[in-house]
C-alpha atoms as a PDB file:
ATOM      1  CA  MET A   1     -26.771 -50.327 -74.783  1.00  0.00           C
ATOM      2  CA  ARG A   2     -25.522 -53.752 -73.903  1.00  0.00           C
ATOM      3  CA  PHE A   3     -24.728 -54.920 -70.373  1.00  0.00           C
ATOM      4  CA  ASN A   4     -22.820 -57.905 -68.998  1.00  0.00           C
ATOM      5  CA  ILE A   5     -24.795 -59.267 -66.060  1.00  0.00           C
ATOM      6  CA  TYR A   6     -22.161 -60.655 -63.674  1.00  0.00           C
ATOM      7  CA  GLY A   7     -20.487 -62.604 -66.464  1.00  0.00           C
ATOM      8  CA  ARG A   8     -23.524 -64.894 -66.632  1.00  0.00           C
ATOM      9  CA  PHE A   9     -25.489 -63.390 -69.520  1.00  0.00           C
ATOM     10  CA  GLN A  10     -25.948 -60.179 -71.498  1.00  0.00           C
ATOM     11  CA  VAL A  11     -28.898 -57.878 -71.993  1.00  0.00           C
ATOM     12  CA  ASP A  12     -29.492 -55.266 -74.654  1.00  0.00           C
ATOM     13  CA  VAL A  13     -31.492 -52.224 -73.519  1.00  0.00           C
ATOM     14  CA  ARG A  14     -32.965 -49.905 -76.144  1.00  0.00           C
ATOM     15  CA  ARG A  15     -35.198 -46.878 -76.041  1.00  0.00           C
ATOM     16  CA  GLU A  16     -38.341 -47.644 -78.077  1.00  0.00           C
ATOM     17  CA  ASN A  17     -41.374 -45.330 -78.189  1.00  0.00           C
ATOM     18  CA  ASP A  18     -40.345 -43.487 -75.009  1.00  0.00           C
ATOM     19  CA  THR A  19     -39.965 -46.726 -73.037  1.00  0.00           C
ATOM     20  CA  TRP A  20     -37.065 -49.058 -72.309  1.00  0.00           C
ATOM     21  CA  ALA A  21     -37.131 -52.386 -74.165  1.00  0.00           C
ATOM     22  CA  VAL A  22     -34.966 -55.178 -72.752  1.00  0.00           C
ATOM     23  CA  TYR A  23     -33.651 -58.100 -74.792  1.00  0.00           C
ATOM     24  CA  ARG A  24     -31.633 -61.140 -73.817  1.00  0.00           C
ATOM     25  CA  ALA A  25     -28.552 -61.048 -76.050  1.00  0.00           C
ATOM     26  CA  VAL A  26     -27.060 -64.326 -77.252  1.00  0.00           C
ATOM     27  CA  PRO A  27     -24.643 -64.821 -80.143  1.00  0.00           C
ATOM     28  CA  GLY A  28     -26.483 -64.273 -83.406  1.00  0.00           C
ATOM     29  CA  LYS A  29     -29.832 -63.201 -81.973  1.00  0.00           C
ATOM     30  CA  ARG A  30     -31.674 -61.313 -79.291  1.00  0.00           C
ATOM     31  CA  THR A  31     -35.015 -62.174 -77.773  1.00  0.00           C
ATOM     32  CA  PRO A  32     -37.383 -59.996 -75.761  1.00  0.00           C
ATOM     33  CA  PHE A  33     -36.731 -60.285 -72.015  1.00  0.00           C
ATOM     34  CA  GLU A  34     -40.318 -59.552 -71.067  1.00  0.00           C
ATOM     35  CA  GLU A  35     -39.810 -60.408 -67.391  1.00  0.00           C
ATOM     36  CA  VAL A  36     -37.656 -57.284 -67.031  1.00  0.00           C
ATOM     37  CA  VAL A  37     -39.505 -53.985 -67.133  1.00  0.00           C
ATOM     38  CA  ILE A  38     -37.494 -50.808 -66.678  1.00  0.00           C
ATOM     39  CA  PRO A  39     -39.558 -47.713 -65.827  1.00  0.00           C
ATOM     40  CA  ALA A  40     -39.490 -45.131 -68.608  1.00  0.00           C
ATOM     41  CA  ASP A  41     -38.186 -42.434 -66.254  1.00  0.00           C
ATOM     42  CA  VAL A  42     -34.931 -44.264 -65.435  1.00  0.00           C
ATOM     43  CA  PRO A  43     -32.116 -42.199 -67.013  1.00  0.00           C
ATOM     44  CA  ALA A  44     -29.711 -43.985 -69.363  1.00  0.00           C
ATOM     45  CA  ASP A  45     -26.752 -43.293 -67.073  1.00  0.00           C
ATOM     46  CA  GLU A  46     -28.494 -45.197 -64.244  1.00  0.00           C
ATOM     47  CA  LEU A  47     -29.370 -48.345 -66.190  1.00  0.00           C
ATOM     48  CA  ALA A  48     -26.411 -50.386 -64.890  1.00  0.00           C
ATOM     49  CA  THR A  49     -27.363 -49.573 -61.290  1.00  0.00           C
ATOM     50  CA  TRP A  50     -30.996 -50.394 -61.963  1.00  0.00           C
ATOM     51  CA  LEU A  51     -30.077 -53.730 -63.597  1.00  0.00           C
ATOM     52  CA  ASP A  52     -27.824 -54.514 -60.635  1.00  0.00           C
ATOM     53  CA  ASP A  53     -30.796 -53.986 -58.321  1.00  0.00           C
ATOM     54  CA  ILE A  54     -32.949 -56.357 -60.386  1.00  0.00           C
ATOM     55  CA  PHE A  55     -30.418 -59.141 -60.896  1.00  0.00           C
ATOM     56  CA  HIS A  56     -28.510 -58.989 -57.590  1.00  0.00           C
ATOM     57  CA  GLU A  57     -29.503 -62.581 -56.748  1.00  0.00           C
ATOM     58  CA  TYR A  58     -27.226 -63.762 -59.600  1.00  0.00           C
ATOM     59  CA  ALA A  59     -24.201 -61.898 -58.243  1.00  0.00           C
ATOM     60  CA  GLY A  60     -21.233 -63.494 -56.559  1.00  0.00           C
ATOM     61  CA  HIS A  61     -18.850 -61.643 -54.289  1.00  0.00           C
ATOM     62  CA  GLY A  62     -17.383 -58.699 -56.209  1.00  0.00           C
ATOM     63  CA  ASP A  63     -19.492 -59.254 -59.351  1.00  0.00           C
ATOM     64  CA  MET A  64     -20.796 -56.192 -61.161  1.00  0.00           C
ATOM     65  CA  VAL A  65     -23.158 -55.271 -63.956  1.00  0.00           C
ATOM     66  CA  GLU A  66     -20.933 -53.720 -66.597  1.00  0.00           C
ATOM     67  CA  PRO A  67     -21.716 -51.844 -69.797  1.00  0.00           C
ATOM     68  CA  ILE A  68     -20.289 -53.430 -72.945  1.00  0.00           C
ATOM     69  CA  PRO A  69     -18.807 -50.883 -75.360  1.00  0.00           C
ATOM     70  CA  ASP A  70     -20.307 -50.816 -78.866  1.00  0.00           C
END
């Protein structure tokens, strides 16, 4: 699943070995975003809310974390 973080950058979140792996997504590549650790028990449908909680300091008024369709 890919998410737009307030229009500033994108992250790719994947389930790997029963844990969430987070990658910084840039055109043509993705790199591990090791600073972001999502607990394994966070359900997929709550990832956007969880990412919003982590990255809220990057938000401007009315900005949202939004899923990017595949």
